[in-house]
Amino acid sequence: MAAQLEAGRVAATAWTKGPDKLSIGLNAYKSRDTGTFTGHRTGWGVDAQLTLGLLETTAEYLHVDQDRFTGTD
């Protein structure tokens, strides 16, 4: 069986005031892999970008589960 991957992302601007803004995004994926890693992987994440005047900052959180069918970690 060939490897399969499904992924998606949704993003929006949550707040704006003049040049200042807050943007957020959500993402997720799942895959079925063969080869060096054989098994299922699932993951999701959330990120945010904040701009206040000259200050620009970004934060991101990612969570991944790997379910290996063979071998050891």
Protein backbone atom coordinates (compact mmCIF):
# COMPACT_ATOMS: atom_id res chain seq x y z
CA MET A 1 0.00 0.00 0.00
CA ALA A 2 1.29 3.47 -0.84
CA ALA A 3 1.63 6.15 1.81
CA GLN A 4 -1.42 8.39 2.30
CA LEU A 5 -1.57 11.92 3.73
CA GLU A 6 -4.56 14.18 4.43
CA ALA A 7 -4.03 17.70 5.75
CA GLY A 8 -6.03 20.88 6.30
CA ARG A 9 -5.67 24.40 7.63
CA VAL A 10 -8.08 27.19 8.59
CA ALA A 11 -6.92 30.73 9.35
CA ALA A 12 -8.65 34.00 10.19
CA THR A 13 -7.91 37.50 11.37
CA ALA A 14 -9.49 37.66 14.81
CA TRP A 15 -8.91 41.36 15.53
CA THR A 16 -7.74 44.49 13.73
CA LYS A 17 -7.37 48.09 14.78
CA GLY A 18 -5.54 50.27 12.29
CA PRO A 19 -2.19 48.59 11.54
CA ASP A 20 -2.47 46.28 14.58
CA LYS A 21 -3.93 42.80 14.17
CA LEU A 22 -4.21 39.31 15.63
CA SER A 23 -4.39 36.32 13.27
CA ILE A 24 -5.00 32.73 14.33
CA GLY A 25 -4.81 29.39 12.55
CA LEU A 26 -5.71 25.76 13.17
CA ASN A 27 -4.28 22.78 11.31
CA ALA A 28 -4.47 19.00 11.37
CA TYR A 29 -3.19 16.01 9.45
CA LYS A 30 -3.27 12.23 9.40
CA SER A 31 -1.13 9.82 7.45
CA ARG A 32 -0.58 6.14 6.86
CA ASP A 33 3.06 5.48 6.06
CA THR A 34 5.13 2.60 4.70
CA GLY A 35 8.89 2.43 4.50
CA THR A 36 11.30 3.43 7.27
CA PHE A 37 8.35 4.43 9.48
CA THR A 38 5.41 2.06 9.04
CA GLY A 39 2.26 3.09 10.85
CA HIS A 40 -0.18 5.94 11.40
CA ARG A 41 0.60 9.53 12.33
CA THR A 42 -1.87 12.19 13.41
CA GLY A 43 -1.18 15.76 14.37
CA TRP A 44 -2.82 19.08 15.04
CA GLY A 45 -1.65 22.57 15.78
CA VAL A 46 -2.66 26.11 16.58
CA ASP A 47 -0.76 29.29 15.82
CA ALA A 48 -1.14 33.03 16.31
CA GLN A 49 0.50 36.12 14.87
CA LEU A 50 0.24 39.47 16.67
CA THR A 51 1.29 42.84 15.25
CA LEU A 52 1.31 45.91 17.52
CA GLY A 53 2.99 48.89 15.89
CA LEU A 54 6.60 47.86 15.17
CA LEU A 55 6.32 44.73 17.36
CA GLU A 56 5.54 41.50 15.54
CA THR A 57 5.43 38.13 17.31
CA THR A 58 4.42 34.59 16.40
CA ALA A 59 3.58 31.55 18.56
CA GLU A 60 2.80 27.97 17.54
CA TYR A 61 1.87 24.74 19.32
CA LEU A 62 2.08 21.35 17.60
CA HIS A 63 0.94 17.94 18.87
CA VAL A 64 1.84 14.70 17.06
CA ASP A 65 0.93 11.06 17.78
CA GLN A 66 2.90 8.30 16.05
CA ASP A 67 1.54 4.76 16.09
CA ARG A 68 4.35 2.55 14.79
CA PHE A 69 3.35 -0.90 13.55
CA THR A 70 6.89 -2.34 13.57
CA GLY A 71 10.20 -1.64 15.29
CA THR A 72 10.92 0.27 18.47
CA ASP A 73 11.26 3.93 19.38
